[in-house]
C-alpha atoms as a PDB file:
ATOM      1  CA  MET A   1     -87.494  64.486 -35.484  1.00  0.00           C
ATOM      2  CA  VAL A   2     -87.672  60.700 -35.314  1.00  0.00           C
ATOM      3  CA  HIS A   3     -89.551  59.179 -32.413  1.00  0.00           C
ATOM      4  CA  ASP A   4     -88.124  55.749 -31.737  1.00  0.00           C
ATOM      5  CA  ARG A   5     -89.916  54.082 -28.841  1.00  0.00           C
ATOM      6  CA  ALA A   6     -87.913  50.872 -29.332  1.00  0.00           C
ATOM      7  CA  ALA A   7     -84.688  52.815 -28.750  1.00  0.00           C
ATOM      8  CA  ARG A   8     -86.206  54.354 -25.601  1.00  0.00           C
ATOM      9  CA  TYR A   9     -87.100  50.895 -24.316  1.00  0.00           C
ATOM     10  CA  GLN A  10     -83.544  49.716 -24.937  1.00  0.00           C
ATOM     11  CA  GLN A  11     -82.147  52.761 -23.128  1.00  0.00           C
ATOM     12  CA  ALA A  12     -84.506  52.175 -20.221  1.00  0.00           C
ATOM     13  CA  LEU A  13     -83.458  48.533 -19.939  1.00  0.00           C
ATOM     14  CA  GLN A  14     -79.857  49.717 -19.670  1.00  0.00           C
ATOM     15  CA  ALA A  15     -80.733  52.382 -17.106  1.00  0.00           C
ATOM     16  CA  GLY A  16     -77.855  51.268 -14.877  1.00  0.00           C
ATOM     17  CA  GLU A  17     -75.604  53.094 -17.331  1.00  0.00           C
ATOM     18  CA  LEU A  18     -77.283  56.350 -16.308  1.00  0.00           C
ATOM     19  CA  THR A  19     -75.047  57.335 -13.422  1.00  0.00           C
ATOM     20  CA  ASN A  20     -76.303  60.759 -12.399  1.00  0.00           C
ATOM     21  CA  ILE A  21     -79.519  62.693 -12.012  1.00  0.00           C
ATOM     22  CA  GLY A  22     -78.863  64.991 -14.978  1.00  0.00           C
ATOM     23  CA  GLU A  23     -78.366  62.141 -17.449  1.00  0.00           C
ATOM     24  CA  THR A  24     -81.492  60.415 -16.228  1.00  0.00           C
ATOM     25  CA  VAL A  25     -83.676  63.526 -16.397  1.00  0.00           C
ATOM     26  CA  HIS A  26     -82.292  64.155 -19.890  1.00  0.00           C
ATOM     27  CA  ALA A  27     -83.372  60.617 -20.898  1.00  0.00           C
ATOM     28  CA  ILE A  28     -86.871  60.971 -19.435  1.00  0.00           C
ATOM     29  CA  GLY A  29     -87.706  64.096 -21.458  1.00  0.00           C
ATOM     30  CA  PRO A  30     -87.447  62.474 -24.904  1.00  0.00           C
ATOM     31  CA  ALA A  31     -89.233  59.363 -23.633  1.00  0.00           C
ATOM     32  CA  LEU A  32     -92.170  61.549 -22.579  1.00  0.00           C
ATOM     33  CA  ALA A  33     -92.119  63.323 -25.956  1.00  0.00           C
ATOM     34  CA  ASP A  34     -92.173  59.964 -27.766  1.00  0.00           C
ATOM     35  CA  CYS A  35     -95.209  58.948 -25.738  1.00  0.00           C
ATOM     36  CA  ARG A  36     -96.975  62.189 -26.520  1.00  0.00           C
ATOM     37  CA  HIS A  37     -96.324  61.826 -30.261  1.00  0.00           C
ATOM     38  CA  ALA A  38     -97.334  58.147 -30.248  1.00  0.00           C
ATOM     39  CA  GLY A  39    -100.513  58.834 -28.270  1.00  0.00           C
ATOM     40  CA  VAL A  40     -99.352  56.608 -25.411  1.00  0.00           C
ATOM     41  CA  ASP A  41    -100.048  57.333 -21.745  1.00  0.00           C
ATOM     42  CA  PRO A  42     -96.576  58.024 -20.257  1.00  0.00           C
ATOM     43  CA  GLU A  43     -97.707  56.721 -16.868  1.00  0.00           C
ATOM     44  CA  ALA A  44     -98.236  53.307 -18.445  1.00  0.00           C
ATOM     45  CA  ASP A  45     -95.200  53.345 -20.756  1.00  0.00           C
ATOM     46  CA  PRO A  46     -92.553  50.806 -19.666  1.00  0.00           C
ATOM     47  CA  ALA A  47     -89.602  52.968 -20.738  1.00  0.00           C
ATOM     48  CA  VAL A  48     -90.810  55.999 -18.788  1.00  0.00           C
ATOM     49  CA  ILE A  49     -91.524  53.853 -15.733  1.00  0.00           C
ATOM     50  CA  LEU A  50     -88.062  52.247 -15.786  1.00  0.00           C
ATOM     51  CA  LEU A  51     -86.338  55.599 -16.264  1.00  0.00           C
ATOM     52  CA  ALA A  52     -88.354  57.124 -13.424  1.00  0.00           C
ATOM     53  CA  ARG A  53     -87.387  54.221 -11.162  1.00  0.00           C
ATOM     54  CA  ARG A  54     -83.741  54.810 -12.031  1.00  0.00           C
ATOM     55  CA  LEU A  55     -84.145  58.484 -11.151  1.00  0.00           C
ATOM     56  CA  GLY A  56     -85.588  57.430  -7.806  1.00  0.00           C
ATOM     57  CA  GLN A  57     -82.608  55.171  -7.158  1.00  0.00           C
ATOM     58  CA  LEU A  58     -80.187  57.996  -7.890  1.00  0.00           C
ATOM     59  CA  CYS A  59     -82.072  60.372  -5.593  1.00  0.00           C
ATOM     60  CA  GLU A  60     -81.971  58.031  -2.598  1.00  0.00           C
ATOM     61  CA  PRO A  61     -79.649  59.171   0.166  1.00  0.00           C
ATOM     62  CA  ARG A  62     -76.348  57.353   0.105  1.00  0.00           C
ATOM     63  CA  GLN A  63     -74.661  55.838   3.113  1.00  0.00           C
ATOM     64  CA  SER A  64     -71.791  57.853   4.518  1.00  0.00           C
ATOM     65  CA  THR A  65     -68.390  56.226   4.257  1.00  0.00           C
ATOM     66  CA  GLY A  66     -67.298  57.846   7.511  1.00  0.00           C
ATOM     67  CA  LEU A  67     -64.620  60.035   5.953  1.00  0.00           C
END
């Protein structure tokens, strides 16, 4: 398996394309694995941080449209 941290960074920078919780969780898993294999602290890894922030955005309650 190839661990491409640069690709994870690119994906994280385009996190707006992740439109649901499942996609975002699926993206975080490989980012964490890349950190583990590279010996990088995931809590300090920019890609993991950006993906986690995106997950937080998706989990925020949404305003009701009044329908």
